[in-house]
N, C-alpha and C. Protein backbone atom coordinates (compact mmCIF):
# COMPACT_ATOMS: atom_id res chain seq x y z
N MET A 1 16.81 108.64 -90.93
CA MET A 1 17.62 108.07 -89.43
C MET A 1 17.59 106.85 -89.69
N TRP A 2 19.33 106.33 -89.80
CA TRP A 2 19.59 105.10 -89.89
C TRP A 2 19.66 104.12 -88.96
N ILE A 3 18.86 103.03 -88.73
CA ILE A 3 19.13 101.96 -87.63
C ILE A 3 20.08 100.71 -88.49
N VAL A 4 21.04 100.76 -87.76
CA VAL A 4 21.78 99.38 -88.36
C VAL A 4 21.76 98.30 -87.33
N PHE A 5 21.22 97.27 -87.96
CA PHE A 5 21.11 95.97 -87.04
C PHE A 5 22.29 95.10 -87.23
N GLY A 6 22.53 94.47 -86.53
CA GLY A 6 24.12 94.02 -86.37
C GLY A 6 24.44 92.72 -85.10
N TRP A 7 25.36 92.42 -84.82
CA TRP A 7 25.38 91.19 -83.51
C TRP A 7 27.14 91.85 -83.55
N ASP A 8 27.63 91.66 -81.77
CA ASP A 8 28.80 91.84 -81.40
C ASP A 8 29.00 90.79 -80.66
N LYS A 9 30.28 90.12 -80.62
CA LYS A 9 30.86 89.19 -79.80
C LYS A 9 31.86 89.76 -78.29
N GLU A 10 31.93 89.07 -77.56
CA GLU A 10 32.62 89.84 -76.39
C GLU A 10 33.14 88.63 -75.92
N GLN A 11 34.37 88.59 -75.49
CA GLN A 11 35.13 87.39 -74.70
C GLN A 11 35.71 88.30 -73.68
N LYS A 12 35.60 87.64 -72.12
CA LYS A 12 35.94 88.06 -70.96
C LYS A 12 36.37 86.79 -69.89
N VAL A 13 37.55 87.12 -70.07
CA VAL A 13 38.02 85.81 -68.69
C VAL A 13 37.79 86.42 -67.43
N LEU A 14 37.03 85.36 -66.95
CA LEU A 14 36.69 85.44 -65.64
C LEU A 14 37.52 85.57 -64.04
N GLY A 15 38.75 84.65 -64.68
CA GLY A 15 39.30 84.43 -63.64
C GLY A 15 40.05 82.90 -63.39
N GLU A 16 41.31 82.90 -62.81
CA GLU A 16 41.87 81.51 -62.81
C GLU A 16 41.14 80.51 -61.57
N VAL A 17 40.90 79.19 -62.36
CA VAL A 17 40.36 78.53 -61.34
C VAL A 17 41.01 77.29 -60.62
N ALA A 18 41.96 76.88 -61.50
CA ALA A 18 42.64 75.50 -60.71
C ALA A 18 44.36 75.40 -61.55
N THR A 19 45.10 74.78 -61.15
CA THR A 19 46.27 74.38 -61.77
C THR A 19 45.78 72.47 -61.79
N ALA A 20 46.20 72.35 -63.25
CA ALA A 20 46.13 71.15 -63.88
C ALA A 20 47.44 70.51 -64.74
N TYR A 21 47.74 69.60 -64.82
CA TYR A 21 48.64 69.34 -66.18
C TYR A 21 47.98 69.32 -67.63
N CYS A 22 48.74 70.47 -68.58
CA CYS A 22 48.08 70.35 -69.75
C CYS A 22 49.12 69.21 -70.63
N TYR A 23 48.37 68.52 -71.30
CA TYR A 23 48.96 67.54 -72.20
C TYR A 23 49.38 67.98 -73.80
N ASP A 24 48.79 69.36 -73.69
CA ASP A 24 49.22 70.18 -75.24
C ASP A 24 50.71 70.74 -74.82
N CYS A 25 50.58 71.22 -73.51
CA CYS A 25 51.99 72.21 -73.02
C CYS A 25 53.02 71.28 -72.56
N ARG A 26 52.55 70.34 -72.06
CA ARG A 26 53.41 69.42 -71.42
C ARG A 26 54.02 69.97 -70.34
N ARG A 27 53.22 70.60 -69.31
CA ARG A 27 53.58 71.03 -67.76
C ARG A 27 52.32 71.45 -67.19
N ASP A 28 52.32 71.73 -65.78
CA ASP A 28 51.20 72.19 -65.00
C ASP A 28 50.96 73.72 -65.09
N SER A 29 49.65 73.67 -65.91
CA SER A 29 49.01 75.12 -65.87
C SER A 29 48.20 75.91 -65.36
N GLU A 30 48.09 76.97 -65.37
CA GLU A 30 46.99 77.88 -64.96
C GLU A 30 46.00 77.56 -65.59
N TRP A 31 44.79 77.33 -65.09
CA TRP A 31 43.23 77.18 -65.98
C TRP A 31 42.39 78.17 -65.74
N PHE A 32 42.07 79.10 -66.81
CA PHE A 32 40.92 80.03 -66.75
C PHE A 32 39.59 79.61 -66.87
N VAL A 33 38.64 80.45 -66.36
CA VAL A 33 37.33 80.24 -67.19
C VAL A 33 36.79 81.41 -67.82
N SER A 34 36.39 81.39 -69.01
CA SER A 34 35.99 83.02 -69.67
C SER A 34 34.61 82.62 -70.07
N ARG A 35 33.96 83.92 -70.38
CA ARG A 35 32.82 84.03 -71.03
C ARG A 35 32.55 84.61 -72.39
N GLU A 36 32.08 83.87 -73.18
CA GLU A 36 31.71 84.65 -74.45
C GLU A 36 30.46 84.54 -74.65
N SER A 37 30.02 85.76 -75.13
CA SER A 37 28.75 86.45 -75.22
C SER A 37 28.52 87.10 -76.79
N GLU A 38 26.98 86.64 -77.53
CA GLU A 38 26.95 87.60 -78.60
C GLU A 38 25.75 88.00 -78.17
N TRP A 39 25.60 89.31 -78.86
CA TRP A 39 24.74 90.61 -78.74
C TRP A 39 23.97 90.84 -79.56
N VAL A 40 22.80 91.29 -79.85
CA VAL A 40 22.36 91.83 -81.01
C VAL A 40 22.24 93.04 -80.85
N THR A 41 22.70 93.83 -81.70
CA THR A 41 22.66 95.34 -81.75
C THR A 41 21.74 96.29 -82.37
N PHE A 42 21.63 97.46 -81.73
CA PHE A 42 20.85 98.19 -83.09
C PHE A 42 21.99 100.09 -82.74
N SER A 43 21.94 100.14 -84.17
CA SER A 43 22.59 101.45 -84.07
C SER A 43 24.65 101.23 -83.40
N ALA A 44 25.01 99.83 -83.12
CA ALA A 44 26.00 99.76 -82.51
C ALA A 44 25.51 99.87 -81.06
N ILE A 45 24.38 99.69 -80.39
CA ILE A 45 24.18 99.67 -79.25
C ILE A 45 23.95 98.36 -78.74
N ARG A 46 24.38 97.60 -77.49
CA ARG A 46 24.08 96.08 -77.35
C ARG A 46 22.93 96.20 -76.95
N VAL A 47 21.69 95.26 -77.43
CA VAL A 47 20.50 95.16 -77.12
C VAL A 47 20.13 94.21 -76.21
N PHE A 48 20.43 93.01 -76.86
CA PHE A 48 19.99 91.61 -76.21
C PHE A 48 21.11 90.87 -76.46
N ARG A 49 21.60 89.71 -75.29
CA ARG A 49 22.70 88.93 -75.15
C ARG A 49 21.52 87.43 -75.56
N PHE A 50 22.13 87.02 -76.84
CA PHE A 50 21.24 85.70 -77.07
C PHE A 50 22.29 84.53 -77.26
N ILE A 51 23.46 84.92 -77.02
CA ILE A 51 24.33 83.24 -76.70
C ILE A 51 25.71 83.75 -75.60
N CYS A 52 25.40 82.73 -74.41
CA CYS A 52 26.55 82.90 -73.37
C CYS A 52 27.23 81.54 -73.16
N LYS A 53 28.24 81.46 -73.49
CA LYS A 53 29.03 80.14 -73.47
C LYS A 53 30.43 80.38 -72.57
N HIS A 54 30.63 79.69 -71.62
CA HIS A 54 31.41 79.35 -70.76
C HIS A 54 32.29 78.38 -71.21
N ARG A 55 33.96 78.36 -71.22
CA ARG A 55 35.10 77.80 -71.61
C ARG A 55 35.86 77.50 -70.43
N LEU A 56 36.74 76.84 -70.62
CA LEU A 56 37.97 76.36 -69.35
C LEU A 56 39.16 76.41 -70.45
N HIS A 57 40.24 77.46 -70.41
CA HIS A 57 41.32 77.09 -71.28
C HIS A 57 42.56 77.32 -70.17
N CYS A 58 43.41 76.73 -70.85
CA CYS A 58 44.76 76.86 -70.47
C CYS A 58 45.71 78.22 -70.72
N GLY A 59 46.19 78.41 -69.76
CA GLY A 59 47.14 79.70 -69.40
C GLY A 59 48.40 80.05 -70.45
N GLY A 60 48.73 78.54 -70.98
CA GLY A 60 50.00 78.15 -71.46
C GLY A 60 50.15 77.91 -72.72
N CYS A 61 48.76 77.85 -73.41
CA CYS A 61 48.62 77.17 -74.45
C CYS A 61 47.40 77.69 -74.98
N THR A 62 46.83 77.10 -76.20
CA THR A 62 45.57 77.52 -77.02
C THR A 62 44.64 76.25 -76.41
N ALA A 63 44.57 75.62 -75.40
CA ALA A 63 43.65 74.29 -75.38
C ALA A 63 42.56 74.86 -74.54
N VAL A 64 41.21 74.43 -75.47
CA VAL A 64 40.02 75.14 -74.55
C VAL A 64 39.18 74.01 -74.55
N PHE A 65 38.13 73.94 -73.95
CA PHE A 65 37.22 73.15 -73.69
C PHE A 65 35.85 73.78 -73.10
N PRO A 66 34.56 73.34 -73.72
CA PRO A 66 33.33 74.16 -73.46
C PRO A 66 33.10 73.63 -71.82
N LEU A 67 32.39 74.20 -71.03
CA LEU A 67 31.89 74.19 -69.65
C LEU A 67 30.55 74.01 -70.09
N THR A 68 29.96 72.84 -69.39
CA THR A 68 28.22 72.67 -69.13
C THR A 68 27.98 74.12 -68.32
N ALA A 69 26.87 74.03 -68.57
CA ALA A 69 25.73 75.06 -67.56
C ALA A 69 26.10 74.73 -66.23
N SER A 70 25.90 73.34 -65.72
CA SER A 70 25.92 72.77 -64.38
C SER A 70 27.47 72.93 -64.15
N GLU A 71 28.64 72.57 -64.86
CA GLU A 71 29.87 72.60 -64.36
C GLU A 71 30.16 74.37 -64.10
N PHE A 72 30.00 75.24 -64.77
CA PHE A 72 29.83 76.94 -64.58
C PHE A 72 29.46 76.69 -63.19
N LYS A 73 28.19 76.57 -62.99
CA LYS A 73 27.49 77.14 -61.80
C LYS A 73 28.16 76.36 -60.53
N GLN A 74 28.86 75.41 -60.54
CA GLN A 74 29.80 74.94 -59.28
C GLN A 74 30.84 75.44 -59.63
N ILE A 75 31.40 75.50 -60.75
CA ILE A 75 32.81 76.59 -60.44
C ILE A 75 32.27 77.94 -59.69
N ASP A 76 31.55 78.58 -60.24
CA ASP A 76 31.31 79.77 -59.75
C ASP A 76 31.18 79.89 -58.32
N HIS A 77 29.93 78.96 -57.93
CA HIS A 77 29.68 78.74 -56.65
C HIS A 77 30.64 78.53 -55.81
N HIS A 78 31.61 77.63 -55.99
CA HIS A 78 32.57 77.63 -55.24
C HIS A 78 33.66 78.72 -55.24
N MET A 79 33.97 79.25 -56.36
CA MET A 79 34.78 80.08 -56.41
C MET A 79 34.45 81.82 -55.51
N LYS A 80 33.14 81.71 -55.64
CA LYS A 80 32.79 82.61 -54.57
C LYS A 80 33.21 82.85 -53.13
N ARG A 81 33.56 81.51 -52.87
CA ARG A 81 33.80 81.58 -51.15
C ARG A 81 35.25 81.20 -51.27
N HIS A 82 35.63 80.84 -52.03
CA HIS A 82 37.27 80.24 -52.06
C HIS A 82 38.32 80.81 -53.02
N ASP A 83 39.79 80.63 -53.20
CA ASP A 83 40.36 81.32 -54.11
C ASP A 83 40.60 80.24 -55.16
N SER A 84 40.43 79.17 -55.25
CA SER A 84 40.76 77.52 -56.52
C SER A 84 39.59 76.66 -56.38
N ILE A 85 39.56 75.94 -57.46
CA ILE A 85 39.07 74.41 -57.01
C ILE A 85 40.12 73.62 -56.61
N ASN A 86 41.52 74.00 -56.69
CA ASN A 86 41.84 72.80 -56.44
C ASN A 86 42.43 72.09 -55.08
N GLY A 87 42.08 70.68 -55.14
CA GLY A 87 41.80 69.76 -53.98
C GLY A 87 40.71 69.27 -53.92
N THR A 88 39.94 69.62 -54.99
CA THR A 88 38.44 69.29 -54.70
C THR A 88 38.21 68.38 -55.54
N ASP A 89 36.74 67.82 -55.28
CA ASP A 89 36.41 66.90 -56.07
C ASP A 89 35.86 67.17 -57.40
N LEU A 90 35.45 68.64 -57.63
CA LEU A 90 35.33 69.30 -59.28
C LEU A 90 36.77 69.30 -59.71
N HIS A 91 37.44 69.62 -59.02
CA HIS A 91 39.31 69.73 -59.69
C HIS A 91 39.22 68.11 -60.22
N ALA A 92 39.25 67.46 -59.44
CA ALA A 92 39.83 65.98 -59.89
C ALA A 92 38.73 65.59 -61.40
N GLY A 93 37.36 65.94 -61.20
CA GLY A 93 36.73 65.63 -62.28
C GLY A 93 37.23 66.85 -63.56
N LEU A 94 37.71 67.53 -63.49
CA LEU A 94 38.11 68.36 -64.69
C LEU A 94 39.25 68.09 -65.14
N ALA A 95 40.59 67.70 -64.12
CA ALA A 95 41.37 67.24 -64.39
C ALA A 95 41.46 66.06 -65.26
N THR A 96 40.35 65.18 -64.95
CA THR A 96 40.14 63.91 -65.49
C THR A 96 39.82 63.94 -67.11
N ARG A 97 38.68 65.07 -67.03
CA ARG A 97 38.17 65.30 -68.39
C ARG A 97 39.39 65.94 -69.30
N ILE A 98 39.99 66.71 -68.82
CA ILE A 98 41.56 67.56 -69.77
C ILE A 98 42.04 66.18 -70.05
N GLU A 99 42.63 65.32 -69.02
CA GLU A 99 42.95 64.42 -69.72
C GLU A 99 42.48 63.46 -70.81
N THR A 100 41.60 63.06 -70.91
CA THR A 100 40.41 62.35 -71.27
C THR A 100 40.66 63.00 -72.74
N GLU A 101 39.97 64.27 -72.95
CA GLU A 101 39.60 64.89 -73.98
C GLU A 101 41.42 65.11 -74.90
N GLN A 102 42.10 65.42 -74.11
CA GLN A 102 43.47 65.76 -74.59
C GLN A 102 44.19 64.70 -75.20
N LEU A 103 44.01 63.49 -74.77
CA LEU A 103 44.94 62.18 -74.99
C LEU A 103 43.87 61.50 -75.83
N ALA A 104 42.51 62.05 -76.22
CA ALA A 104 41.81 60.91 -76.93
C ALA A 104 42.32 61.11 -78.49
N SER A 105 42.90 62.08 -79.21
CA SER A 105 43.20 62.22 -80.55
C SER A 105 44.67 61.91 -80.65
N LYS A 106 45.37 60.97 -79.57
CA LYS A 106 46.79 60.72 -79.88
C LYS A 106 46.93 59.02 -80.20
N THR A 107 48.08 58.94 -81.14
CA THR A 107 48.10 57.45 -81.44
C THR A 107 48.65 56.79 -80.29
N PRO A 108 48.72 55.50 -80.55
CA PRO A 108 49.44 54.54 -79.54
C PRO A 108 51.02 55.09 -79.06
N LEU A 109 51.61 55.21 -80.11
CA LEU A 109 53.26 56.00 -80.25
C LEU A 109 53.05 56.81 -79.51
N GLN A 110 52.38 57.88 -79.71
CA GLN A 110 52.26 59.18 -78.92
C GLN A 110 52.00 59.11 -77.64
N LEU A 111 50.86 58.22 -77.09
CA LEU A 111 51.08 58.16 -76.14
C LEU A 111 52.05 57.14 -74.98
N LYS A 112 52.60 56.59 -76.05
CA LYS A 112 53.70 55.91 -75.40
C LYS A 112 54.90 56.82 -74.67
N PHE A 113 55.02 58.19 -75.99
CA PHE A 113 56.01 59.04 -75.65
C PHE A 113 55.50 59.74 -74.33
N ILE A 114 54.51 59.88 -74.35
CA ILE A 114 53.97 60.94 -73.08
C ILE A 114 53.98 60.21 -71.69
């Protein structure tokens, strides 16, 4: 009998959470939350999930931001009761974070153009 030990990655889009401006694709875009899981496998059967990461990504380009566990819990809690986080304090915080992280690597000339 052969037992093969390995691992498997799975990425699943959990849903659209907000609309915010993306400075990479330069338009208002839908932002989605996804979950990336890594599993220990035995003979191609998933046995134990040892990593679970949540990310926020733009629907129009490849911009991706990791979410902390507390950010994901807040988003998940709000999304269970509402369609989106648009117009909430959580949305304003994520929009500010997106802007800060996307503009951090830009030169002064690029910022002037934007």
